[in-house]
Amino acid sequence: HLCVVCLWAEWHHRGRLSSGQNMSYFIKVNCETFGQVAMKFGGPLFRYLQIFGILLVSEIEYLQEQGTIVSDMNLEKEQLIHLAAQAERYSDVAAPKSAPNKFTQSLSRILTIKRASTQTES
């Protein structure tokens, strides 16, 4: 989860990345294209991403105000999972009251599976 915050806020590289293993994998995401695609798709996914982004940037700002040096490595996995769960709850509250569509049902299943796998890892 390297530098996820750059998807939602202007971010300047902080630190130096190296791998302690023989091989590492990474993907590059064009932040501007990510935002454009999310806006174009709209609906529940866009609402969820908006809320998650607000929560993530808020958490980063809070950590900085507390004197924590925030790096490109972002928050701990547990913190990201907590923010994702909060975003899901807030997104549900903000959603128009209608029958769930196939996308929201799929997203709900994915998040349930992720929560279950996280709980078994603990």
Foldseek 3Di string as FASTA:
>chain_A
DFQPLVLQDPDDADDDDDDPDPDDDDDDDDSVVVLVVLVVVDDLSVQLVVQLNVVQVVVVVVCVVVVHDDHRRGDDPVVSLVSSVVSLVVSVVVHDPDDDDPVVVVVVVVNVVVVVVVVVVD
